[in-house]
């Protein structure tokens, strides 16, 4: 996630990411989803845990575009995301498809 944050910063793309020591827990993460245009799921080996499943459901209900780093193993959850792409592909998508005020 630090690599992705660094790359986004290099391209002047605003981002928020979860912090492991965030004492607001799931509510803090959901607020970050509220403030986002796009949600990127970092899911090594396709695994999505319970907390991330909640995030995906919430983002879907809020009509947020979602992309995953790797294909998601759980078909019902996988059907909620817009696609699978590497970090550099996501950054290119964001650079070319977001309004100037959102970059």
PDB file of N, CA and C in Angstrom:
ATOM      1  N   UNK A   1       0.829  -1.193   0.000  1.00  0.00           N
ATOM      2  CA  UNK A   1       0.000   0.000   0.000  1.00  0.00           C
ATOM      3  C   UNK A   1       0.873   1.257   0.000  1.00  0.00           C
ATOM      4  N   UNK A   2       2.045   1.174   0.638  1.00  0.00           N
ATOM      5  CA  UNK A   2       2.938   2.326   0.639  1.00  0.00           C
ATOM      6  C   UNK A   2       3.437   2.639  -0.774  1.00  0.00           C
ATOM      7  N   UNK A   3       3.714   1.608  -1.568  1.00  0.00           N
ATOM      8  CA  UNK A   3       4.134   1.807  -2.951  1.00  0.00           C
ATOM      9  C   UNK A   3       3.042   2.548  -3.728  1.00  0.00           C
ATOM     10  N   UNK A   4       1.807   2.113  -3.563  1.00  0.00           N
ATOM     11  CA  UNK A   4       0.690   2.739  -4.273  1.00  0.00           C
ATOM     12  C   UNK A   4       0.539   4.190  -3.830  1.00  0.00           C
ATOM     13  N   UNK A   5       0.627   4.439  -2.532  1.00  0.00           N
ATOM     14  CA  UNK A   5       0.525   5.806  -2.020  1.00  0.00           C
ATOM     15  C   UNK A   5       1.629   6.685  -2.609  1.00  0.00           C
ATOM     16  N   UNK A   6       2.834   6.172  -2.666  1.00  0.00           N
ATOM     17  CA  UNK A   6       3.957   6.920  -3.228  1.00  0.00           C
ATOM     18  C   UNK A   6       3.695   7.264  -4.695  1.00  0.00           C
ATOM     19  N   UNK A   7       3.245   6.282  -5.462  1.00  0.00           N
ATOM     20  CA  UNK A   7       2.981   6.497  -6.888  1.00  0.00           C
ATOM     21  C   UNK A   7       1.842   7.499  -7.100  1.00  0.00           C
ATOM     22  N   UNK A   8       0.800   7.410  -6.294  1.00  0.00           N
ATOM     23  CA  UNK A   8      -0.305   8.369  -6.405  1.00  0.00           C
ATOM     24  C   UNK A   8       0.182   9.778  -6.097  1.00  0.00           C
ATOM     25  N   UNK A   9       1.001   9.898  -5.063  1.00  0.00           N
ATOM     26  CA  UNK A   9       1.558  11.197  -4.705  1.00  0.00           C
ATOM     27  C   UNK A   9       2.411  11.787  -5.811  1.00  0.00           C
ATOM     28  N   UNK A  10       3.204  10.946  -6.472  1.00  0.00           N
ATOM     29  CA  UNK A  10       4.036  11.407  -7.594  1.00  0.00           C
ATOM     30  C   UNK A  10       3.197  12.008  -8.714  1.00  0.00           C
ATOM     31  N   UNK A  11       1.999  11.475  -8.903  1.00  0.00           N
ATOM     32  CA  UNK A  11       1.117  11.940  -9.988  1.00  0.00           C
ATOM     33  C   UNK A  11       0.122  12.984  -9.506  1.00  0.00           C
ATOM     34  N   UNK A  12       0.297  13.455  -8.276  1.00  0.00           N
ATOM     35  CA  UNK A  12      -0.594  14.471  -7.687  1.00  0.00           C
ATOM     36  C   UNK A  12      -2.052  14.022  -7.656  1.00  0.00           C
ATOM     37  N   UNK A  13      -2.258  12.752  -7.384  1.00  0.00           N
ATOM     38  CA  UNK A  13      -3.609  12.214  -7.246  1.00  0.00           C
ATOM     39  C   UNK A  13      -3.897  12.097  -5.754  1.00  0.00           C
ATOM     40  N   UNK A  14      -4.936  12.776  -5.300  1.00  0.00           N
ATOM     41  CA  UNK A  14      -5.312  12.735  -3.884  1.00  0.00           C
ATOM     42  C   UNK A  14      -5.786  11.326  -3.526  1.00  0.00           C
ATOM     43  N   UNK A  15      -5.439  10.894  -2.331  1.00  0.00           N
ATOM     44  CA  UNK A  15      -5.839   9.558  -1.881  1.00  0.00           C
ATOM     45  C   UNK A  15      -5.962   9.530  -0.368  1.00  0.00           C
ATOM     46  N   UNK A  16      -6.705   8.561   0.110  1.00  0.00           N
ATOM     47  CA  UNK A  16      -6.759   8.228   1.535  1.00  0.00           C
ATOM     48  C   UNK A  16      -6.579   6.727   1.620  1.00  0.00           C
ATOM     49  N   UNK A  17      -5.958   6.286   2.699  1.00  0.00           N
ATOM     50  CA  UNK A  17      -5.809   4.849   2.884  1.00  0.00           C
ATOM     51  C   UNK A  17      -5.957   4.527   4.358  1.00  0.00           C
ATOM     52  N   UNK A  18      -6.359   3.293   4.653  1.00  0.00           N
ATOM     53  CA  UNK A  18      -6.555   2.923   6.052  1.00  0.00           C
ATOM     54  C   UNK A  18      -5.232   2.945   6.809  1.00  0.00           C
ATOM     55  N   UNK A  19      -5.341   3.232   8.074  1.00  0.00           N
ATOM     56  CA  UNK A  19      -4.176   3.218   8.940  1.00  0.00           C
ATOM     57  C   UNK A  19      -4.377   2.140   9.988  1.00  0.00           C
ATOM     58  N   UNK A  20      -3.362   1.349  10.205  1.00  0.00           N
ATOM     59  CA  UNK A  20      -3.502   0.221  11.127  1.00  0.00           C
ATOM     60  C   UNK A  20      -3.779   0.667  12.561  1.00  0.00           C
ATOM     61  N   UNK A  21      -3.385   1.866  12.925  1.00  0.00           N
ATOM     62  CA  UNK A  21      -3.584   2.333  14.296  1.00  0.00           C
ATOM     63  C   UNK A  21      -4.761   3.283  14.416  1.00  0.00           C
ATOM     64  N   UNK A  22      -5.635   3.285  13.437  1.00  0.00           N
ATOM     65  CA  UNK A  22      -6.799   4.166  13.456  1.00  0.00           C
ATOM     66  C   UNK A  22      -7.778   3.666  14.502  1.00  0.00           C
ATOM     67  N   UNK A  23      -7.977   4.436  15.561  1.00  0.00           N
ATOM     68  CA  UNK A  23      -8.860   3.993  16.646  1.00  0.00           C
ATOM     69  C   UNK A  23     -10.338   4.167  16.325  1.00  0.00           C
ATOM     70  N   UNK A  24     -10.640   4.698  15.145  1.00  0.00           N
ATOM     71  CA  UNK A  24     -12.049   4.827  14.754  1.00  0.00           C
ATOM     72  C   UNK A  24     -12.581   3.533  14.150  1.00  0.00           C
ATOM     73  N   UNK A  25     -11.695   2.587  13.900  1.00  0.00           N
ATOM     74  CA  UNK A  25     -12.099   1.275  13.404  1.00  0.00           C
ATOM     75  C   UNK A  25     -12.833   1.339  12.089  1.00  0.00           C
ATOM     76  N   UNK A  26     -13.822   0.494  11.963  1.00  0.00           N
ATOM     77  CA  UNK A  26     -14.556   0.366  10.703  1.00  0.00           C
ATOM     78  C   UNK A  26     -15.258   1.670  10.328  1.00  0.00           C
ATOM     79  N   UNK A  27     -15.739   2.418  11.304  1.00  0.00           N
ATOM     80  CA  UNK A  27     -16.419   3.683  10.985  1.00  0.00           C
ATOM     81  C   UNK A  27     -15.466   4.672  10.303  1.00  0.00           C
ATOM     82  N   UNK A  28     -14.227   4.699  10.753  1.00  0.00           N
ATOM     83  CA  UNK A  28     -13.240   5.568  10.117  1.00  0.00           C
ATOM     84  C   UNK A  28     -12.987   5.159   8.679  1.00  0.00           C
ATOM     85  N   UNK A  29     -12.929   3.865   8.449  1.00  0.00           N
ATOM     86  CA  UNK A  29     -12.711   3.359   7.099  1.00  0.00           C
ATOM     87  C   UNK A  29     -13.915   3.692   6.210  1.00  0.00           C
ATOM     88  N   UNK A  30     -15.107   3.555   6.736  1.00  0.00           N
ATOM     89  CA  UNK A  30     -16.305   3.868   5.955  1.00  0.00           C
ATOM     90  C   UNK A  30     -16.371   5.346   5.608  1.00  0.00           C
ATOM     91  N   UNK A  31     -15.927   6.204   6.529  1.00  0.00           N
ATOM     92  CA  UNK A  31     -15.882   7.635   6.218  1.00  0.00           C
ATOM     93  C   UNK A  31     -14.907   7.919   5.078  1.00  0.00           C
ATOM     94  N   UNK A  32     -13.807   7.195   5.054  1.00  0.00           N
ATOM     95  CA  UNK A  32     -12.847   7.370   3.963  1.00  0.00           C
ATOM     96  C   UNK A  32     -13.463   6.936   2.634  1.00  0.00           C
ATOM     97  N   UNK A  33     -14.257   5.893   2.664  1.00  0.00           N
ATOM     98  CA  UNK A  33     -14.965   5.464   1.442  1.00  0.00           C
ATOM     99  C   UNK A  33     -15.932   6.553   1.000  1.00  0.00           C
ATOM    100  N   UNK A  34     -16.648   7.149   1.960  1.00  0.00           N
ATOM    101  CA  UNK A  34     -17.568   8.239   1.632  1.00  0.00           C
ATOM    102  C   UNK A  34     -16.855   9.370   0.900  1.00  0.00           C
ATOM    103  N   UNK A  35     -15.624   9.650   1.305  1.00  0.00           N
ATOM    104  CA  UNK A  35     -14.863  10.766   0.753  1.00  0.00           C
ATOM    105  C   UNK A  35     -14.133  10.423  -0.543  1.00  0.00           C
ATOM    106  N   UNK A  36     -14.264   9.202  -1.012  1.00  0.00           N
ATOM    107  CA  UNK A  36     -13.506   8.735  -2.175  1.00  0.00           C
ATOM    108  C   UNK A  36     -14.371   8.629  -3.425  1.00  0.00           C
ATOM    109  N   UNK A  37     -13.720   8.794  -4.564  1.00  0.00           N
ATOM    110  CA  UNK A  37     -14.388   8.561  -5.844  1.00  0.00           C
ATOM    111  C   UNK A  37     -14.216   7.117  -6.283  1.00  0.00           C
ATOM    112  N   UNK A  38     -13.059   6.536  -5.941  1.00  0.00           N
ATOM    113  CA  UNK A  38     -12.699   5.191  -6.363  1.00  0.00           C
ATOM    114  C   UNK A  38     -12.126   4.459  -5.154  1.00  0.00           C
ATOM    115  N   UNK A  39     -12.446   3.173  -5.048  1.00  0.00           N
ATOM    116  CA  UNK A  39     -11.904   2.328  -3.978  1.00  0.00           C
ATOM    117  C   UNK A  39     -11.023   1.272  -4.638  1.00  0.00           C
ATOM    118  N   UNK A  40      -9.787   1.171  -4.145  1.00  0.00           N
ATOM    119  CA  UNK A  40      -8.852   0.169  -4.660  1.00  0.00           C
ATOM    120  C   UNK A  40      -8.618  -0.869  -3.582  1.00  0.00           C
ATOM    121  N   UNK A  41      -8.890  -2.113  -3.923  1.00  0.00           N
ATOM    122  CA  UNK A  41      -8.800  -3.225  -2.973  1.00  0.00           C
ATOM    123  C   UNK A  41      -7.454  -3.908  -3.155  1.00  0.00           C
ATOM    124  N   UNK A  42      -6.625  -3.826  -2.136  1.00  0.00           N
ATOM    125  CA  UNK A  42      -5.330  -4.506  -2.145  1.00  0.00           C
ATOM    126  C   UNK A  42      -5.566  -5.870  -1.515  1.00  0.00           C
ATOM    127  N   UNK A  43      -5.564  -6.896  -2.357  1.00  0.00           N
ATOM    128  CA  UNK A  43      -5.956  -8.236  -1.909  1.00  0.00           C
ATOM    129  C   UNK A  43      -4.951  -9.284  -2.376  1.00  0.00           C
ATOM    130  N   UNK A  44      -3.839  -9.403  -1.646  1.00  0.00           N
ATOM    131  CA  UNK A  44      -2.827 -10.394  -2.040  1.00  0.00           C
ATOM    132  C   UNK A  44      -3.420 -11.784  -2.255  1.00  0.00           C
ATOM    133  N   UNK A  45      -3.040 -12.408  -3.340  1.00  0.00           N
ATOM    134  CA  UNK A  45      -3.495 -13.758  -3.691  1.00  0.00           C
ATOM    135  C   UNK A  45      -5.007 -13.864  -3.829  1.00  0.00           C
ATOM    136  N   UNK A  46      -5.694 -12.754  -4.020  1.00  0.00           N
ATOM    137  CA  UNK A  46      -7.138 -12.779  -4.215  1.00  0.00           C
ATOM    138  C   UNK A  46      -7.954 -12.847  -2.947  1.00  0.00           C
ATOM    139  N   UNK A  47      -7.295 -12.899  -1.801  1.00  0.00           N
ATOM    140  CA  UNK A  47      -8.004 -13.038  -0.527  1.00  0.00           C
ATOM    141  C   UNK A  47      -8.637 -11.723  -0.100  1.00  0.00           C
ATOM    142  N   UNK A  48      -9.880 -11.806   0.347  1.00  0.00           N
ATOM    143  CA  UNK A  48     -10.582 -10.667   0.924  1.00  0.00           C
ATOM    144  C   UNK A  48     -11.124 -11.123   2.275  1.00  0.00           C
ATOM    145  N   UNK A  49     -10.707 -10.466   3.328  1.00  0.00           N
ATOM    146  CA  UNK A  49     -11.168 -10.810   4.669  1.00  0.00           C
ATOM    147  C   UNK A  49     -12.525 -10.204   4.976  1.00  0.00           C
ATOM    148  N   UNK A  50     -13.004 -10.466   6.171  1.00  0.00           N
ATOM    149  CA  UNK A  50     -14.340  -9.988   6.573  1.00  0.00           C
ATOM    150  C   UNK A  50     -14.448  -8.472   6.562  1.00  0.00           C
ATOM    151  N   UNK A  51     -13.446  -7.795   7.115  1.00  0.00           N
ATOM    152  CA  UNK A  51     -13.511  -6.330   7.169  1.00  0.00           C
ATOM    153  C   UNK A  51     -13.536  -5.720   5.769  1.00  0.00           C
ATOM    154  N   UNK A  52     -12.716  -6.251   4.882  1.00  0.00           N
ATOM    155  CA  UNK A  52     -12.694  -5.732   3.517  1.00  0.00           C
ATOM    156  C   UNK A  52     -14.003  -6.063   2.804  1.00  0.00           C
ATOM    157  N   UNK A  53     -14.597  -7.198   3.119  1.00  0.00           N
ATOM    158  CA  UNK A  53     -15.905  -7.524   2.541  1.00  0.00           C
ATOM    159  C   UNK A  53     -16.949  -6.490   2.960  1.00  0.00           C
ATOM    160  N   UNK A  54     -16.886  -6.045   4.204  1.00  0.00           N
ATOM    161  CA  UNK A  54     -17.789  -4.986   4.668  1.00  0.00           C
ATOM    162  C   UNK A  54     -17.518  -3.712   3.877  1.00  0.00           C
ATOM    163  N   UNK A  55     -16.250  -3.373   3.712  1.00  0.00           N
ATOM    164  CA  UNK A  55     -15.887  -2.176   2.938  1.00  0.00           C
ATOM    165  C   UNK A  55     -16.421  -2.255   1.511  1.00  0.00           C
ATOM    166  N   UNK A  56     -16.285  -3.409   0.895  1.00  0.00           N
ATOM    167  CA  UNK A  56     -16.761  -3.589  -0.484  1.00  0.00           C
ATOM    168  C   UNK A  56     -18.273  -3.425  -0.549  1.00  0.00           C
ATOM    169  N   UNK A  57     -18.986  -4.044   0.373  1.00  0.00           N
ATOM    170  CA  UNK A  57     -20.439  -3.903   0.395  1.00  0.00           C
ATOM    171  C   UNK A  57     -20.872  -2.463   0.593  1.00  0.00           C
ATOM    172  N   UNK A  58     -20.195  -1.773   1.486  1.00  0.00           N
ATOM    173  CA  UNK A  58     -20.510  -0.375   1.757  1.00  0.00           C
ATOM    174  C   UNK A  58     -20.229   0.485   0.525  1.00  0.00           C
ATOM    175  N   UNK A  59     -19.063   0.292  -0.079  1.00  0.00           N
ATOM    176  CA  UNK A  59     -18.702   1.061  -1.274  1.00  0.00           C
ATOM    177  C   UNK A  59     -19.691   0.789  -2.406  1.00  0.00           C
ATOM    178  N   UNK A  60     -20.107  -0.451  -2.530  1.00  0.00           N
ATOM    179  CA  UNK A  60     -21.095  -0.795  -3.561  1.00  0.00           C
ATOM    180  C   UNK A  60     -22.414  -0.064  -3.299  1.00  0.00           C
ATOM    181  N   UNK A  61     -22.850  -0.077  -2.046  1.00  0.00           N
ATOM    182  CA  UNK A  61     -24.107   0.597  -1.690  1.00  0.00           C
ATOM    183  C   UNK A  61     -24.013   2.103  -1.931  1.00  0.00           C
ATOM    184  N   UNK A  62     -22.815   2.649  -1.828  1.00  0.00           N
ATOM    185  CA  UNK A  62     -22.598   4.081  -2.052  1.00  0.00           C
ATOM    186  C   UNK A  62     -22.289   4.388  -3.519  1.00  0.00           C
ATOM    187  N   UNK A  63     -22.374   3.364  -4.359  1.00  0.00           N
ATOM    188  CA  UNK A  63     -22.166   3.509  -5.803  1.00  0.00           C
ATOM    189  C   UNK A  63     -20.757   4.016  -6.150  1.00  0.00           C
ATOM    190  N   UNK A  64     -19.764   3.498  -5.430  1.00  0.00           N
ATOM    191  CA  UNK A  64     -18.370   3.862  -5.688  1.00  0.00           C
ATOM    192  C   UNK A  64     -17.775   2.897  -6.699  1.00  0.00           C
ATOM    193  N   UNK A  65     -16.925   3.407  -7.575  1.00  0.00           N
ATOM    194  CA  UNK A  65     -16.195   2.517  -8.477  1.00  0.00           C
ATOM    195  C   UNK A  65     -15.148   1.786  -7.652  1.00  0.00           C
ATOM    196  N   UNK A  66     -15.030   0.482  -7.877  1.00  0.00           N
ATOM    197  CA  UNK A  66     -14.074  -0.331  -7.134  1.00  0.00           C
ATOM    198  C   UNK A  66     -13.256  -1.169  -8.089  1.00  0.00           C
ATOM    199  N   UNK A  67     -11.972  -1.241  -7.778  1.00  0.00           N
ATOM    200  CA  UNK A  67     -11.047  -2.081  -8.523  1.00  0.00           C
ATOM    201  C   UNK A  67     -10.234  -2.879  -7.516  1.00  0.00           C
ATOM    202  N   UNK A  68      -9.854  -4.079  -7.894  1.00  0.00           N
ATOM    203  CA  UNK A  68      -9.033  -4.932  -7.039  1.00  0.00           C
ATOM    204  C   UNK A  68      -7.688  -5.166  -7.689  1.00  0.00           C
ATOM    205  N   UNK A  69      -6.684  -5.376  -6.860  1.00  0.00           N
ATOM    206  CA  UNK A  69      -5.343  -5.649  -7.356  1.00  0.00           C
ATOM    207  C   UNK A  69      -5.273  -7.019  -8.004  1.00  0.00           C
ATOM    208  N   UNK A  70      -5.963  -7.990  -7.423  1.00  0.00           N
ATOM    209  CA  UNK A  70      -5.988  -9.366  -7.935  1.00  0.00           C
ATOM    210  C   UNK A  70      -7.436  -9.840  -8.001  1.00  0.00           C
ATOM    211  N   UNK A  71      -7.729 -10.823  -8.849  1.00  0.00           N
ATOM    212  CA  UNK A  71      -9.088 -11.366  -8.889  1.00  0.00           C
ATOM    213  C   UNK A  71      -9.516 -11.841  -7.497  1.00  0.00           C
ATOM    214  N   UNK A  72     -10.747 -11.589  -7.165  1.00  0.00           N
ATOM    215  CA  UNK A  72     -11.293 -11.976  -5.862  1.00  0.00           C
ATOM    216  C   UNK A  72     -11.840 -13.387  -5.961  1.00  0.00           C
ATOM    217  N   UNK A  73     -11.458 -14.216  -4.986  1.00  0.00           N
ATOM    218  CA  UNK A  73     -11.822 -15.632  -4.992  1.00  0.00           C
ATOM    219  C   UNK A  73     -13.311 -15.885  -4.787  1.00  0.00           C
ATOM    220  N   UNK A  74     -14.015 -14.993  -4.146  1.00  0.00           N
ATOM    221  CA  UNK A  74     -15.425 -15.180  -3.799  1.00  0.00           C
ATOM    222  C   UNK A  74     -16.308 -14.582  -4.899  1.00  0.00           C
ATOM    223  N   UNK A  75     -16.949 -15.416  -5.738  1.00  0.00           N
ATOM    224  CA  UNK A  75     -17.705 -14.880  -6.887  1.00  0.00           C
ATOM    225  C   UNK A  75     -18.755 -13.825  -6.546  1.00  0.00           C
ATOM    226  N   UNK A  76     -19.574 -13.983  -5.498  1.00  0.00           N
ATOM    227  CA  UNK A  76     -20.552 -12.920  -5.223  1.00  0.00           C
ATOM    228  C   UNK A  76     -19.898 -11.578  -4.916  1.00  0.00           C
ATOM    229  N   UNK A  77     -18.777 -11.602  -4.207  1.00  0.00           N
ATOM    230  CA  UNK A  77     -18.058 -10.364  -3.909  1.00  0.00           C
ATOM    231  C   UNK A  77     -17.386  -9.847  -5.174  1.00  0.00           C
ATOM    232  N   UNK A  78     -16.791 -10.721  -5.946  1.00  0.00           N
ATOM    233  CA  UNK A  78     -16.111 -10.327  -7.178  1.00  0.00           C
ATOM    234  C   UNK A  78     -17.055  -9.604  -8.131  1.00  0.00           C
ATOM    235  N   UNK A  79     -18.312  -9.979  -8.140  1.00  0.00           N
ATOM    236  CA  UNK A  79     -19.282  -9.350  -9.037  1.00  0.00           C
ATOM    237  C   UNK A  79     -19.603  -7.908  -8.666  1.00  0.00           C
ATOM    238  N   UNK A  80     -19.186  -7.462  -7.488  1.00  0.00           N
ATOM    239  CA  UNK A  80     -19.467  -6.094  -7.057  1.00  0.00           C
ATOM    240  C   UNK A  80     -18.423  -5.089  -7.524  1.00  0.00           C
ATOM    241  N   UNK A  81     -17.288  -5.568  -7.996  1.00  0.00           N
ATOM    242  CA  UNK A  81     -16.227  -4.638  -8.370  1.00  0.00           C
ATOM    243  C   UNK A  81     -16.224  -4.388  -9.876  1.00  0.00           C
ATOM    244  N   UNK A  82     -15.634  -3.250 -10.246  1.00  0.00           N
ATOM    245  CA  UNK A  82     -15.607  -2.848 -11.651  1.00  0.00           C
ATOM    246  C   UNK A  82     -14.548  -3.566 -12.458  1.00  0.00           C
ATOM    247  N   UNK A  83     -13.483  -4.009 -11.801  1.00  0.00           N
ATOM    248  CA  UNK A  83     -12.435  -4.684 -12.540  1.00  0.00           C
ATOM    249  C   UNK A  83     -11.220  -4.973 -11.694  1.00  0.00           C
ATOM    250  N   UNK A  84     -10.266  -5.628 -12.318  1.00  0.00           N
ATOM    251  CA  UNK A  84      -9.001  -5.994 -11.679  1.00  0.00           C
ATOM    252  C   UNK A  84      -7.895  -5.296 -12.453  1.00  0.00           C
ATOM    253  N   UNK A  85      -7.019  -4.601 -11.732  1.00  0.00           N
ATOM    254  CA  UNK A  85      -5.907  -3.936 -12.395  1.00  0.00           C
ATOM    255  C   UNK A  85      -4.746  -3.724 -11.442  1.00  0.00           C
ATOM    256  N   UNK A  86      -3.565  -3.713 -12.032  1.00  0.00           N
ATOM    257  CA  UNK A  86      -2.346  -3.452 -11.276  1.00  0.00           C
ATOM    258  C   UNK A  86      -2.330  -1.982 -10.843  1.00  0.00           C
ATOM    259  N   UNK A  87      -1.545  -1.656  -9.817  1.00  0.00           N
ATOM    260  CA  UNK A  87      -1.502  -0.265  -9.345  1.00  0.00           C
ATOM    261  C   UNK A  87      -1.194   0.749 -10.445  1.00  0.00           C
ATOM    262  N   UNK A  88      -0.243   0.453 -11.310  1.00  0.00           N
ATOM    263  CA  UNK A  88       0.096   1.403 -12.368  1.00  0.00           C
ATOM    264  C   UNK A  88      -1.062   1.606 -13.352  1.00  0.00           C
ATOM    265  N   UNK A  89      -1.826   0.562 -13.596  1.00  0.00           N
ATOM    266  CA  UNK A  89      -3.006   0.689 -14.465  1.00  0.00           C
ATOM    267  C   UNK A  89      -4.056   1.572 -13.799  1.00  0.00           C
ATOM    268  N   UNK A  90      -4.246   1.389 -12.502  1.00  0.00           N
ATOM    269  CA  UNK A  90      -5.201   2.217 -11.766  1.00  0.00           C
ATOM    270  C   UNK A  90      -4.788   3.685 -11.821  1.00  0.00           C
ATOM    271  N   UNK A  91      -3.514   3.942 -11.607  1.00  0.00           N
ATOM    272  CA  UNK A  91      -3.022   5.317 -11.620  1.00  0.00           C
ATOM    273  C   UNK A  91      -3.254   5.956 -12.984  1.00  0.00           C
ATOM    274  N   UNK A  92      -3.010   5.226 -14.039  1.00  0.00           N
ATOM    275  CA  UNK A  92      -3.262   5.763 -15.386  1.00  0.00           C
ATOM    276  C   UNK A  92      -4.748   6.038 -15.580  1.00  0.00           C
ATOM    277  N   UNK A  93      -5.590   5.151 -15.112  1.00  0.00           N
ATOM    278  CA  UNK A  93      -7.038   5.359 -15.199  1.00  0.00           C
ATOM    279  C   UNK A  93      -7.432   6.628 -14.452  1.00  0.00           C
ATOM    280  N   UNK A  94      -6.913   6.799 -13.259  1.00  0.00           N
ATOM    281  CA  UNK A  94      -7.248   7.970 -12.464  1.00  0.00           C
ATOM    282  C   UNK A  94      -6.724   9.256 -13.111  1.00  0.00           C
ATOM    283  N   UNK A  95      -5.547   9.192 -13.655  1.00  0.00           N
ATOM    284  CA  UNK A  95      -4.951  10.379 -14.308  1.00  0.00           C
ATOM    285  C   UNK A  95      -5.780  10.830 -15.502  1.00  0.00           C
ATOM    286  N   UNK A  96      -6.366   9.899 -16.203  1.00  0.00           N
ATOM    287  CA  UNK A  96      -7.061  10.251 -17.447  1.00  0.00           C
ATOM    288  C   UNK A  96      -8.566  10.351 -17.319  1.00  0.00           C
ATOM    289  N   UNK A  97      -9.139   9.857 -16.214  1.00  0.00           N
ATOM    290  CA  UNK A  97     -10.603   9.802 -16.139  1.00  0.00           C
ATOM    291  C   UNK A  97     -11.232  10.528 -14.971  1.00  0.00           C
ATOM    292  N   UNK A  98     -10.467  11.283 -14.213  1.00  0.00           N
ATOM    293  CA  UNK A  98     -11.062  12.053 -13.130  1.00  0.00           C
ATOM    294  C   UNK A  98     -11.058  13.541 -13.496  1.00  0.00           C
ATOM    295  N   UNK A  99     -12.101  14.232 -13.097  1.00  0.00           N
ATOM    296  CA  UNK A  99     -12.101  15.687 -13.335  1.00  0.00           C
ATOM    297  C   UNK A  99     -10.905  16.327 -12.626  1.00  0.00           C
ATOM    298  N   UNK A 100     -10.427  17.450 -13.132  1.00  0.00           N
ATOM    299  CA  UNK A 100      -9.269  18.133 -12.563  1.00  0.00           C
ATOM    300  C   UNK A 100      -9.408  18.380 -11.051  1.00  0.00           C
ATOM    301  N   UNK A 101     -10.583  18.738 -10.610  1.00  0.00           N
ATOM    302  CA  UNK A 101     -10.745  19.050  -9.188  1.00  0.00           C
ATOM    303  C   UNK A 101     -10.580  17.813  -8.298  1.00  0.00           C
ATOM    304  N   UNK A 102     -10.663  16.624  -8.852  1.00  0.00           N
ATOM    305  CA  UNK A 102     -10.564  15.405  -8.063  1.00  0.00           C
ATOM    306  C   UNK A 102      -9.169  14.824  -8.064  1.00  0.00           C
ATOM    307  N   UNK A 103      -8.254  15.352  -8.842  1.00  0.00           N
ATOM    308  CA  UNK A 103      -6.901  14.797  -8.940  1.00  0.00           C
ATOM    309  C   UNK A 103      -6.062  15.206  -7.775  1.00  0.00           C
TER     310      UNK A 103
END
